[in-house]
Amino acid sequence: MRKCGYCGSTRLKRVHRTLWERFSYLAIYECRECENEEFAPRQFTFHLGEFARCPRCGTTRVTKLRGPDKIDPMAPGLLNRVEKMAGGVLHHCCFCRLQFYDRRKLAPRTIIEPIPAETAGAAPSGEPDVEVLATDETTPTAPPDKPSSDE
């Protein structure tokens, strides 16, 4: 079931498309709560753009393969064969487990960094954040089984 990408609601309704939108999108949905529009693109649009995309699901989170995998299926169709003949590199989608050829480069990986505690607000328990400093007392100067020479 589709969800709104803005508020997360599942109450989406289908919207009428213009002639140009019919060529680009399979469907357009509008959220009944926040009125955000969600677009379902046609599959040929996955072959357009700067980065390699899976021809089935459209994700850019694909990996390069060194050789064909004997277990996962190869993408059928004329566009996959044309990409192979034009010098495309073999890629694999881990979500739909599909192999395909593409000449475009991989999309850069995005790294989600945690929000620092001072910008996230107060601590959840209501106590202020305390910074703990490491001291050098954890390393003993003499081994514990030998008596010190001062005695």
N, C-alpha and C. Protein backbone atom coordinates (compact mmCIF):
# COMPACT_ATOMS: atom_id res chain seq x y z
N MET A 1 0.83 -1.17 0.00
CA MET A 1 0.00 0.00 0.00
C MET A 1 0.88 1.25 0.00
N ARG A 2 0.54 2.23 -0.77
CA ARG A 2 1.31 3.46 -0.88
C ARG A 2 1.14 4.32 0.35
N LYS A 3 2.23 5.04 0.68
CA LYS A 3 2.22 5.98 1.80
C LYS A 3 2.64 7.35 1.30
N CYS A 4 2.19 8.37 1.99
CA CYS A 4 2.62 9.73 1.69
C CYS A 4 4.06 9.88 2.13
N GLY A 5 4.89 10.44 1.27
CA GLY A 5 6.29 10.64 1.60
C GLY A 5 6.52 11.78 2.56
N TYR A 6 5.53 12.62 2.78
CA TYR A 6 5.68 13.79 3.64
C TYR A 6 5.17 13.51 5.06
N CYS A 7 3.93 13.04 5.18
CA CYS A 7 3.34 12.84 6.51
C CYS A 7 3.20 11.36 6.88
N GLY A 8 3.35 10.42 5.94
CA GLY A 8 3.28 9.00 6.24
C GLY A 8 1.88 8.42 6.23
N SER A 9 0.90 9.21 5.85
CA SER A 9 -0.48 8.74 5.83
C SER A 9 -0.69 7.76 4.68
N THR A 10 -1.62 6.83 4.86
CA THR A 10 -1.96 5.88 3.79
C THR A 10 -3.22 6.30 3.06
N ARG A 11 -3.78 7.45 3.37
CA ARG A 11 -5.00 7.93 2.74
C ARG A 11 -4.65 8.74 1.49
N LEU A 12 -4.37 8.05 0.40
CA LEU A 12 -4.03 8.69 -0.87
C LEU A 12 -5.16 8.50 -1.86
N LYS A 13 -5.40 9.51 -2.67
CA LYS A 13 -6.41 9.38 -3.72
C LYS A 13 -5.74 9.64 -5.06
N ARG A 14 -6.28 9.02 -6.08
CA ARG A 14 -5.73 9.16 -7.42
C ARG A 14 -6.18 10.48 -8.02
N VAL A 15 -5.28 11.15 -8.75
CA VAL A 15 -5.54 12.46 -9.33
C VAL A 15 -5.53 12.33 -10.85
N HIS A 16 -6.38 13.11 -11.52
CA HIS A 16 -6.39 13.11 -12.98
C HIS A 16 -5.10 13.72 -13.51
N ARG A 17 -4.60 13.14 -14.61
CA ARG A 17 -3.34 13.60 -15.20
C ARG A 17 -3.61 14.37 -16.48
N THR A 18 -2.72 15.32 -16.78
CA THR A 18 -2.78 16.02 -18.06
C THR A 18 -2.20 15.10 -19.13
N LEU A 19 -2.28 15.52 -20.37
CA LEU A 19 -1.76 14.71 -21.47
C LEU A 19 -0.26 14.47 -21.31
N TRP A 20 0.48 15.51 -20.95
CA TRP A 20 1.93 15.37 -20.78
C TRP A 20 2.24 14.45 -19.59
N GLU A 21 1.48 14.54 -18.51
CA GLU A 21 1.71 13.70 -17.35
C GLU A 21 1.41 12.23 -17.63
N ARG A 22 0.52 11.97 -18.57
CA ARG A 22 0.22 10.58 -18.93
C ARG A 22 1.41 9.89 -19.59
N PHE A 23 2.24 10.65 -20.31
CA PHE A 23 3.44 10.08 -20.91
C PHE A 23 4.52 9.83 -19.87
N SER A 24 4.58 10.64 -18.83
CA SER A 24 5.65 10.55 -17.85
C SER A 24 5.33 9.67 -16.65
N TYR A 25 4.06 9.63 -16.23
CA TYR A 25 3.72 8.95 -14.99
C TYR A 25 2.61 7.93 -15.21
N LEU A 26 2.74 6.80 -14.50
CA LEU A 26 1.66 5.81 -14.50
C LEU A 26 0.46 6.32 -13.72
N ALA A 27 0.74 6.99 -12.61
CA ALA A 27 -0.33 7.51 -11.76
C ALA A 27 0.21 8.66 -10.93
N ILE A 28 -0.71 9.51 -10.47
CA ILE A 28 -0.39 10.58 -9.53
C ILE A 28 -1.37 10.44 -8.37
N TYR A 29 -0.83 10.42 -7.16
CA TYR A 29 -1.65 10.30 -5.97
C TYR A 29 -1.51 11.57 -5.14
N GLU A 30 -2.61 11.95 -4.48
CA GLU A 30 -2.60 13.11 -3.60
C GLU A 30 -3.00 12.66 -2.19
N CYS A 31 -2.24 13.12 -1.21
CA CYS A 31 -2.54 12.79 0.18
C CYS A 31 -3.77 13.58 0.61
N ARG A 32 -4.69 12.90 1.28
CA ARG A 32 -5.92 13.58 1.72
C ARG A 32 -5.68 14.42 2.97
N GLU A 33 -4.58 14.20 3.66
CA GLU A 33 -4.33 14.94 4.88
C GLU A 33 -3.45 16.17 4.67
N CYS A 34 -2.35 16.03 3.91
CA CYS A 34 -1.44 17.17 3.73
C CYS A 34 -1.42 17.69 2.30
N GLU A 35 -2.17 17.09 1.39
CA GLU A 35 -2.30 17.48 -0.01
C GLU A 35 -0.97 17.43 -0.77
N ASN A 36 -0.05 16.58 -0.33
CA ASN A 36 1.21 16.36 -1.04
C ASN A 36 0.95 15.39 -2.19
N GLU A 37 1.59 15.62 -3.35
CA GLU A 37 1.41 14.75 -4.51
C GLU A 37 2.56 13.75 -4.59
N GLU A 38 2.22 12.49 -4.84
CA GLU A 38 3.19 11.41 -5.04
C GLU A 38 3.06 10.94 -6.48
N PHE A 39 4.19 10.75 -7.16
CA PHE A 39 4.19 10.37 -8.56
C PHE A 39 4.70 8.95 -8.72
N ALA A 40 4.05 8.17 -9.58
CA ALA A 40 4.50 6.82 -9.92
C ALA A 40 5.04 6.89 -11.35
N PRO A 41 6.37 6.92 -11.52
CA PRO A 41 6.93 7.10 -12.86
C PRO A 41 6.82 5.85 -13.72
N ARG A 42 6.86 6.06 -15.02
CA ARG A 42 6.89 4.94 -15.97
C ARG A 42 8.28 4.34 -15.97
N GLN A 43 8.38 3.07 -16.39
CA GLN A 43 9.66 2.38 -16.30
C GLN A 43 10.71 2.90 -17.28
N PHE A 44 10.30 3.48 -18.39
CA PHE A 44 11.31 3.96 -19.33
C PHE A 44 12.06 5.15 -18.75
N THR A 45 11.49 5.85 -17.77
CA THR A 45 12.20 6.98 -17.17
C THR A 45 13.37 6.53 -16.31
N PHE A 46 13.41 5.25 -15.92
CA PHE A 46 14.54 4.75 -15.14
C PHE A 46 15.80 4.66 -16.00
N HIS A 47 15.66 4.65 -17.31
CA HIS A 47 16.81 4.60 -18.21
C HIS A 47 17.35 5.99 -18.53
N LEU A 48 16.70 7.03 -18.01
CA LEU A 48 17.14 8.41 -18.21
C LEU A 48 17.77 8.91 -16.92
N GLY A 49 18.66 9.85 -17.01
CA GLY A 49 19.25 10.43 -15.81
C GLY A 49 20.75 10.23 -15.76
N GLU A 50 21.34 10.73 -14.70
CA GLU A 50 22.78 10.76 -14.57
C GLU A 50 23.37 9.48 -13.99
N PHE A 51 22.63 8.80 -13.12
CA PHE A 51 23.16 7.65 -12.41
C PHE A 51 22.45 6.37 -12.80
N ALA A 52 23.12 5.24 -12.60
CA ALA A 52 22.56 3.93 -12.91
C ALA A 52 21.40 3.63 -11.97
N ARG A 53 20.29 3.12 -12.54
CA ARG A 53 19.09 2.77 -11.77
C ARG A 53 18.65 1.37 -12.15
N CYS A 54 18.00 0.72 -11.21
CA CYS A 54 17.42 -0.59 -11.49
C CYS A 54 16.25 -0.40 -12.44
N PRO A 55 16.19 -1.17 -13.54
CA PRO A 55 15.08 -0.99 -14.48
C PRO A 55 13.74 -1.50 -13.95
N ARG A 56 13.73 -2.26 -12.87
CA ARG A 56 12.47 -2.77 -12.33
C ARG A 56 11.92 -1.87 -11.22
N CYS A 57 12.74 -1.56 -10.21
CA CYS A 57 12.23 -0.79 -9.07
C CYS A 57 12.68 0.67 -9.06
N GLY A 58 13.72 1.01 -9.82
CA GLY A 58 14.14 2.40 -9.94
C GLY A 58 15.11 2.89 -8.89
N THR A 59 15.59 2.03 -8.01
CA THR A 59 16.51 2.48 -6.97
C THR A 59 17.89 2.77 -7.56
N THR A 60 18.60 3.71 -6.93
CA THR A 60 19.98 3.99 -7.34
C THR A 60 20.97 3.24 -6.47
N ARG A 61 20.49 2.46 -5.51
CA ARG A 61 21.37 1.68 -4.63
C ARG A 61 21.70 0.34 -5.27
N VAL A 62 22.48 0.39 -6.32
CA VAL A 62 22.88 -0.80 -7.06
C VAL A 62 24.38 -0.99 -6.91
N THR A 63 24.85 -2.21 -7.18
CA THR A 63 26.28 -2.51 -7.10
C THR A 63 26.75 -3.06 -8.44
N LYS A 64 28.06 -2.91 -8.67
CA LYS A 64 28.66 -3.47 -9.89
C LYS A 64 29.01 -4.94 -9.65
N LEU A 65 28.87 -5.74 -10.71
CA LEU A 65 29.26 -7.14 -10.65
C LEU A 65 30.44 -7.38 -11.58
N ARG A 66 31.29 -8.33 -11.21
CA ARG A 66 32.42 -8.68 -12.08
C ARG A 66 32.01 -9.60 -13.21
N GLY A 67 31.03 -10.45 -12.93
CA GLY A 67 30.55 -11.40 -13.93
C GLY A 67 29.10 -11.74 -13.66
N PRO A 68 28.44 -12.39 -14.61
CA PRO A 68 27.03 -12.73 -14.42
C PRO A 68 26.83 -13.70 -13.26
N ASP A 69 25.77 -13.50 -12.52
CA ASP A 69 25.39 -14.38 -11.43
C ASP A 69 24.48 -15.47 -11.99
N LYS A 70 24.70 -16.71 -11.58
CA LYS A 70 23.91 -17.81 -12.13
C LYS A 70 22.57 -17.97 -11.44
N ILE A 71 22.38 -17.31 -10.29
CA ILE A 71 21.15 -17.47 -9.54
C ILE A 71 20.13 -16.38 -9.88
N ASP A 72 20.53 -15.12 -9.80
CA ASP A 72 19.61 -14.01 -10.04
C ASP A 72 19.34 -13.83 -11.53
N PRO A 73 18.11 -13.45 -11.91
CA PRO A 73 17.78 -13.31 -13.33
C PRO A 73 18.37 -12.06 -13.96
N MET A 74 18.55 -12.12 -15.27
CA MET A 74 19.01 -10.98 -16.05
C MET A 74 17.78 -10.20 -16.53
N ALA A 75 17.90 -8.89 -16.60
CA ALA A 75 16.78 -8.06 -17.05
C ALA A 75 16.49 -8.37 -18.51
N PRO A 76 15.22 -8.66 -18.82
CA PRO A 76 14.88 -8.92 -20.22
C PRO A 76 14.68 -7.62 -20.97
N GLY A 77 14.67 -7.70 -22.27
CA GLY A 77 14.31 -6.53 -23.06
C GLY A 77 15.41 -6.03 -23.96
N LEU A 78 14.99 -5.21 -24.90
CA LEU A 78 15.88 -4.65 -25.90
C LEU A 78 16.84 -3.64 -25.31
N LEU A 79 16.38 -2.81 -24.37
CA LEU A 79 17.25 -1.78 -23.80
C LEU A 79 18.43 -2.39 -23.05
N ASN A 80 18.25 -3.51 -22.39
CA ASN A 80 19.35 -4.16 -21.69
C ASN A 80 20.39 -4.69 -22.69
N ARG A 81 19.93 -5.24 -23.79
CA ARG A 81 20.87 -5.73 -24.82
C ARG A 81 21.63 -4.59 -25.48
N VAL A 82 20.95 -3.48 -25.72
CA VAL A 82 21.60 -2.31 -26.32
C VAL A 82 22.66 -1.76 -25.37
N GLU A 83 22.35 -1.69 -24.09
CA GLU A 83 23.32 -1.22 -23.10
C GLU A 83 24.55 -2.13 -23.05
N LYS A 84 24.35 -3.45 -23.18
CA LYS A 84 25.46 -4.39 -23.17
C LYS A 84 26.35 -4.19 -24.40
N MET A 85 25.73 -4.03 -25.57
CA MET A 85 26.51 -3.84 -26.80
C MET A 85 27.22 -2.49 -26.83
N ALA A 86 26.68 -1.50 -26.12
CA ALA A 86 27.28 -0.16 -26.10
C ALA A 86 28.37 -0.04 -25.05
N GLY A 87 28.72 -1.13 -24.39
CA GLY A 87 29.81 -1.10 -23.42
C GLY A 87 29.36 -0.91 -22.00
N GLY A 88 28.13 -1.25 -21.68
CA GLY A 88 27.62 -1.10 -20.32
C GLY A 88 28.25 -2.10 -19.36
N VAL A 89 28.29 -1.72 -18.10
CA VAL A 89 28.84 -2.54 -17.04
C VAL A 89 27.69 -3.30 -16.38
N LEU A 90 27.96 -4.52 -15.94
CA LEU A 90 26.96 -5.35 -15.30
C LEU A 90 26.70 -4.84 -13.88
N HIS A 91 25.43 -4.60 -13.56
CA HIS A 91 25.01 -4.13 -12.24
C HIS A 91 24.03 -5.12 -11.62
N HIS A 92 23.81 -4.99 -10.30
CA HIS A 92 22.90 -5.86 -9.57
C HIS A 92 22.09 -5.02 -8.58
N CYS A 93 20.79 -5.25 -8.55
CA CYS A 93 19.90 -4.62 -7.58
C CYS A 93 19.63 -5.62 -6.46
N CYS A 94 19.96 -5.25 -5.23
CA CYS A 94 19.78 -6.19 -4.11
C CYS A 94 18.33 -6.25 -3.64
N PHE A 95 17.51 -5.27 -4.01
CA PHE A 95 16.11 -5.26 -3.57
C PHE A 95 15.24 -6.19 -4.40
N CYS A 96 15.37 -6.10 -5.73
CA CYS A 96 14.55 -6.99 -6.57
C CYS A 96 15.38 -8.12 -7.18
N ARG A 97 16.66 -8.21 -6.78
CA ARG A 97 17.57 -9.29 -7.20
C ARG A 97 17.60 -9.44 -8.72
N LEU A 98 17.93 -8.36 -9.40
CA LEU A 98 17.94 -8.32 -10.85
C LEU A 98 19.31 -7.87 -11.32
N GLN A 99 19.81 -8.51 -12.38
CA GLN A 99 21.06 -8.10 -13.02
C GLN A 99 20.72 -7.33 -14.29
N PHE A 100 21.49 -6.29 -14.58
CA PHE A 100 21.25 -5.49 -15.78
C PHE A 100 22.52 -4.76 -16.17
N TYR A 101 22.57 -4.32 -17.42
CA TYR A 101 23.71 -3.58 -17.94
C TYR A 101 23.36 -2.09 -17.99
N ASP A 102 24.34 -1.25 -17.66
CA ASP A 102 24.13 0.20 -17.69
C ASP A 102 25.47 0.88 -17.91
N ARG A 103 25.48 1.94 -18.71
CA ARG A 103 26.71 2.69 -19.00
C ARG A 103 26.95 3.83 -18.03
N ARG A 104 25.95 4.22 -17.26
CA ARG A 104 26.08 5.36 -16.36
C ARG A 104 26.85 4.99 -15.10
N LYS A 105 27.36 6.00 -14.41
CA LYS A 105 28.12 5.77 -13.18
C LYS A 105 27.18 5.53 -12.01
N LEU A 106 27.74 4.97 -10.94
CA LEU A 106 26.95 4.70 -9.74
C LEU A 106 26.67 6.00 -9.00
N ALA A 107 25.54 6.06 -8.33
CA ALA A 107 25.18 7.23 -7.53
C ALA A 107 26.05 7.26 -6.28
N PRO A 108 26.42 8.45 -5.81
CA PRO A 108 27.21 8.50 -4.58
C PRO A 108 26.41 8.00 -3.39
N ARG A 109 27.10 7.32 -2.48
CA ARG A 109 26.45 6.79 -1.28
C ARG A 109 26.20 7.93 -0.29
N THR A 110 25.02 7.96 0.28
CA THR A 110 24.71 8.96 1.29
C THR A 110 24.89 8.32 2.66
N ILE A 111 25.53 9.06 3.55
CA ILE A 111 25.79 8.58 4.90
C ILE A 111 24.95 9.42 5.85
N ILE A 112 24.12 8.75 6.62
CA ILE A 112 23.28 9.44 7.59
C ILE A 112 24.07 9.57 8.88
N GLU A 113 24.29 10.82 9.30
CA GLU A 113 25.05 11.07 10.52
C GLU A 113 24.09 11.37 11.66
N PRO A 114 24.40 10.91 12.88
CA PRO A 114 23.52 11.20 14.02
C PRO A 114 23.58 12.68 14.38
N ILE A 115 22.50 13.17 14.94
CA ILE A 115 22.43 14.56 15.36
C ILE A 115 23.17 14.69 16.68
N PRO A 116 24.08 15.68 16.81
CA PRO A 116 24.78 15.86 18.09
C PRO A 116 23.80 16.17 19.22
N ALA A 117 24.18 15.81 20.46
CA ALA A 117 23.29 15.95 21.61
C ALA A 117 22.97 17.40 21.90
N GLU A 118 23.91 18.33 21.69
CA GLU A 118 23.63 19.73 22.03
C GLU A 118 22.62 20.36 21.07
N THR A 119 22.50 19.85 19.84
CA THR A 119 21.51 20.41 18.92
C THR A 119 20.20 19.65 18.96
N ALA A 120 20.20 18.47 19.55
CA ALA A 120 18.98 17.67 19.61
C ALA A 120 18.05 18.13 20.73
N GLY A 121 18.51 18.98 21.62
CA GLY A 121 17.67 19.44 22.73
C GLY A 121 18.16 18.86 24.03
N ALA A 122 17.33 18.92 25.05
CA ALA A 122 17.71 18.44 26.37
C ALA A 122 17.78 16.92 26.37
N ALA A 123 18.46 16.41 27.34
CA ALA A 123 18.55 14.95 27.49
C ALA A 123 17.17 14.40 27.79
N PRO A 124 16.86 13.17 27.35
CA PRO A 124 15.53 12.62 27.56
C PRO A 124 15.17 12.45 29.03
N SER A 125 16.13 12.24 29.91
CA SER A 125 15.82 12.04 31.32
C SER A 125 15.67 13.36 32.07
N GLY A 126 15.95 14.48 31.42
CA GLY A 126 15.84 15.77 32.06
C GLY A 126 17.13 16.20 32.71
N GLU A 127 18.15 15.33 32.75
CA GLU A 127 19.42 15.69 33.34
C GLU A 127 20.30 16.34 32.28
N PRO A 128 21.16 17.27 32.67
CA PRO A 128 22.03 17.89 31.68
C PRO A 128 23.08 16.90 31.20
N ASP A 129 23.58 17.12 29.99
CA ASP A 129 24.61 16.25 29.45
C ASP A 129 25.91 16.47 30.22
N VAL A 130 26.59 15.40 30.57
CA VAL A 130 27.83 15.46 31.33
C VAL A 130 28.93 14.90 30.45
N GLU A 131 30.03 15.63 30.38
CA GLU A 131 31.16 15.18 29.59
C GLU A 131 32.13 14.45 30.51
N VAL A 132 32.50 13.22 30.17
CA VAL A 132 33.40 12.41 30.98
C VAL A 132 34.77 12.46 30.34
N LEU A 133 35.75 12.84 31.14
CA LEU A 133 37.13 12.89 30.66
C LEU A 133 37.87 11.65 31.11
N ALA A 134 38.67 11.08 30.21
CA ALA A 134 39.46 9.90 30.55
C ALA A 134 40.69 10.34 31.33
N THR A 135 40.99 9.63 32.37
CA THR A 135 42.17 9.94 33.17
C THR A 135 43.23 8.89 32.95
N ASP A 136 44.40 9.17 33.40
CA ASP A 136 45.53 8.28 33.22
C ASP A 136 45.68 7.34 34.41
N GLU A 137 44.75 7.33 35.37
CA GLU A 137 44.86 6.51 36.56
C GLU A 137 44.54 5.04 36.29
N THR A 138 44.04 4.72 35.14
CA THR A 138 43.66 3.34 34.86
C THR A 138 44.86 2.46 34.60
N THR A 139 46.00 3.04 34.24
CA THR A 139 47.19 2.23 33.99
C THR A 139 48.09 2.25 35.23
N PRO A 140 48.33 1.13 35.88
CA PRO A 140 49.18 1.11 37.08
C PRO A 140 50.64 1.32 36.71
N THR A 141 51.38 1.90 37.64
CA THR A 141 52.80 2.15 37.39
C THR A 141 53.63 0.90 37.64
N ALA A 142 53.21 0.04 38.57
CA ALA A 142 53.92 -1.20 38.84
C ALA A 142 52.94 -2.34 38.74
N PRO A 143 53.39 -3.53 38.36
CA PRO A 143 52.48 -4.68 38.29
C PRO A 143 51.91 -4.96 39.68
N PRO A 144 50.64 -5.38 39.78
CA PRO A 144 50.00 -5.57 41.08
C PRO A 144 50.57 -6.72 41.89
N ASP A 145 51.20 -7.72 41.28
CA ASP A 145 51.70 -8.86 42.04
C ASP A 145 53.08 -8.62 42.64
N LYS A 146 53.78 -7.60 42.22
CA LYS A 146 55.11 -7.30 42.75
C LYS A 146 55.01 -6.13 43.73
N PRO A 147 55.67 -6.21 44.85
CA PRO A 147 55.66 -5.07 45.78
C PRO A 147 56.52 -3.94 45.22
N SER A 148 56.16 -2.75 45.62
CA SER A 148 56.92 -1.59 45.13
C SER A 148 58.27 -1.54 45.82
N SER A 149 59.24 -0.86 45.25
CA SER A 149 60.60 -0.80 45.80
C SER A 149 60.74 0.23 46.89
N ASP A 150 59.71 1.03 47.21
CA ASP A 150 59.79 2.06 48.23
C ASP A 150 59.76 1.48 49.65
N GLU A 151 59.30 0.28 49.87
CA GLU A 151 59.14 -0.30 51.18
C GLU A 151 60.40 -0.85 51.73
